[in-house]
Amino acid sequence: MKTINIIYEYDKVINKVNEDIKKSNFKLQYFLDLLELKRSFFYKKMKEKRFTNDEMKLLSKHLYPEEYLEYEVSVINELLDKSIKEAESNQTENFDNAINEAKKEYGL
């Protein structure tokens, strides 16, 4: 996807998150605790569409668990494919270092 498309799609995403929060089976307190925010600040973020990237990742994980699971599986599959190719070409490194780098890169 081109960068400009991503920028314009973000507004749709944040609006969907706001609506999905309102329609979710979770009580508001769940999201307040999840994001460690006060009620007024949470509502302000919703109104102004100002959730941080980390907050959006955390919200999406809880609002869309099936999609998040698909994302995790796809990331793991990509990493496995990459690992197989590196092993076949003798490009290896310490396992613990590789796992920690992957977790940071993919937010897992």
Protein backbone atom coordinates (compact mmCIF):
# COMPACT_ATOMS: atom_id res chain seq x y z
CA MET A 1 0.00 0.00 0.00
CA LYS A 2 1.33 3.44 -0.86
CA THR A 3 2.16 5.84 1.93
CA ILE A 4 -0.46 8.39 0.91
CA ASN A 5 -3.17 5.71 1.02
CA ILE A 6 -2.11 4.71 4.51
CA ILE A 7 -2.33 8.31 5.68
CA TYR A 8 -5.87 8.71 4.37
CA GLU A 9 -6.96 5.30 5.64
CA TYR A 10 -5.89 6.17 9.18
CA ASP A 11 -8.88 8.46 9.68
CA LYS A 12 -11.21 5.59 8.79
CA VAL A 13 -9.36 3.29 11.18
CA ILE A 14 -9.50 5.69 14.13
CA ASN A 15 -13.21 6.35 13.52
CA LYS A 16 -13.85 2.62 13.43
CA VAL A 17 -11.97 2.13 16.69
CA ASN A 18 -14.01 4.86 18.35
CA GLU A 19 -17.27 3.27 17.22
CA ASP A 20 -16.09 -0.23 18.09
CA ILE A 21 -15.15 0.88 21.59
CA LYS A 22 -18.66 2.25 22.06
CA LYS A 23 -20.27 -0.91 20.67
CA SER A 24 -17.96 -3.40 22.36
CA ASN A 25 -19.01 -5.82 25.08
CA PHE A 26 -16.33 -4.35 27.32
CA LYS A 27 -17.19 -1.73 29.89
CA LEU A 28 -15.46 1.62 29.64
CA GLN A 29 -13.48 0.84 32.79
CA TYR A 30 -11.80 -2.05 30.96
CA PHE A 31 -10.31 0.34 28.39
CA LEU A 32 -9.41 2.89 31.04
CA ASP A 33 -7.48 0.23 32.94
CA LEU A 34 -5.99 -1.21 29.76
CA LEU A 35 -4.58 2.14 28.65
CA GLU A 36 -4.05 3.44 32.19
CA LEU A 37 -5.99 6.63 31.44
CA LYS A 38 -8.45 8.75 33.37
CA ARG A 39 -11.99 8.85 32.02
CA SER A 40 -11.86 12.47 30.88
CA PHE A 41 -8.54 12.01 29.11
CA PHE A 42 -9.81 8.86 27.39
CA TYR A 43 -12.88 10.69 26.06
CA LYS A 44 -10.69 13.56 24.91
CA LYS A 45 -8.47 11.13 22.99
CA MET A 46 -11.55 9.58 21.37
CA LYS A 47 -13.01 12.94 20.42
CA GLU A 48 -9.76 14.31 19.04
CA LYS A 49 -8.71 10.98 17.48
CA ARG A 50 -5.38 11.19 19.26
CA PHE A 51 -4.55 7.69 20.38
CA THR A 52 -0.85 6.93 20.14
CA ASN A 53 0.43 4.09 17.99
CA ASP A 54 1.03 1.95 21.06
CA GLU A 55 -2.48 2.67 22.35
CA MET A 56 -3.96 1.75 18.98
CA LYS A 57 -2.03 -1.53 18.95
CA LEU A 58 -3.25 -2.37 22.43
CA LEU A 59 -6.86 -1.43 21.65
CA SER A 60 -6.89 -3.38 18.42
CA LYS A 61 -5.55 -6.47 20.16
CA HIS A 62 -8.58 -6.45 22.47
CA LEU A 63 -11.23 -5.15 20.07
CA TYR A 64 -10.32 -7.42 17.15
CA PRO A 65 -8.83 -10.58 18.68
CA GLU A 66 -9.41 -12.74 15.56
CA GLU A 67 -7.64 -10.25 13.30
CA TYR A 68 -4.84 -9.90 15.84
CA LEU A 69 -4.37 -13.67 15.93
CA GLU A 70 -4.18 -13.72 12.11
CA TYR A 71 -1.58 -10.95 12.28
CA GLU A 72 0.49 -12.89 14.81
CA VAL A 73 0.34 -16.04 12.69
CA SER A 74 1.40 -14.15 9.56
CA VAL A 75 4.31 -12.51 11.39
CA ILE A 76 5.45 -15.86 12.77
CA ASN A 77 5.21 -17.46 9.33
CA GLU A 78 7.26 -14.66 7.79
CA LEU A 79 9.89 -15.04 10.49
CA LEU A 80 10.01 -18.80 10.01
CA ASP A 81 10.46 -18.40 6.25
CA LYS A 82 13.23 -15.88 6.86
CA SER A 83 14.89 -18.22 9.36
CA ILE A 84 14.80 -21.15 6.98
CA LYS A 85 16.41 -19.09 4.21
CA GLU A 86 19.11 -17.81 6.57
CA ALA A 87 19.83 -21.31 7.89
CA GLU A 88 20.11 -22.67 4.35
CA SER A 89 22.68 -19.99 3.52
CA ASN A 90 24.55 -20.41 6.85
CA GLN A 91 23.57 -16.95 8.09
CA THR A 92 22.80 -17.71 11.72
CA GLU A 93 22.93 -15.82 14.99
CA ASN A 94 22.22 -16.36 18.67
CA PHE A 95 18.61 -17.57 19.13
CA ASP A 96 17.85 -15.35 22.15
CA ASN A 97 19.06 -12.25 20.33
CA ALA A 98 16.97 -13.08 17.27
CA ILE A 99 13.80 -13.64 19.33
CA ASN A 100 14.23 -10.40 21.29
CA GLU A 101 14.82 -8.40 18.09
CA ALA A 102 11.74 -9.93 16.45
CA LYS A 103 9.55 -9.18 19.46
CA LYS A 104 10.65 -5.55 19.43
CA GLU A 105 10.23 -5.19 15.67
CA TYR A 106 6.76 -6.76 15.50
CA GLY A 107 5.38 -5.72 18.86
CA LEU A 108 4.85 -9.25 20.09
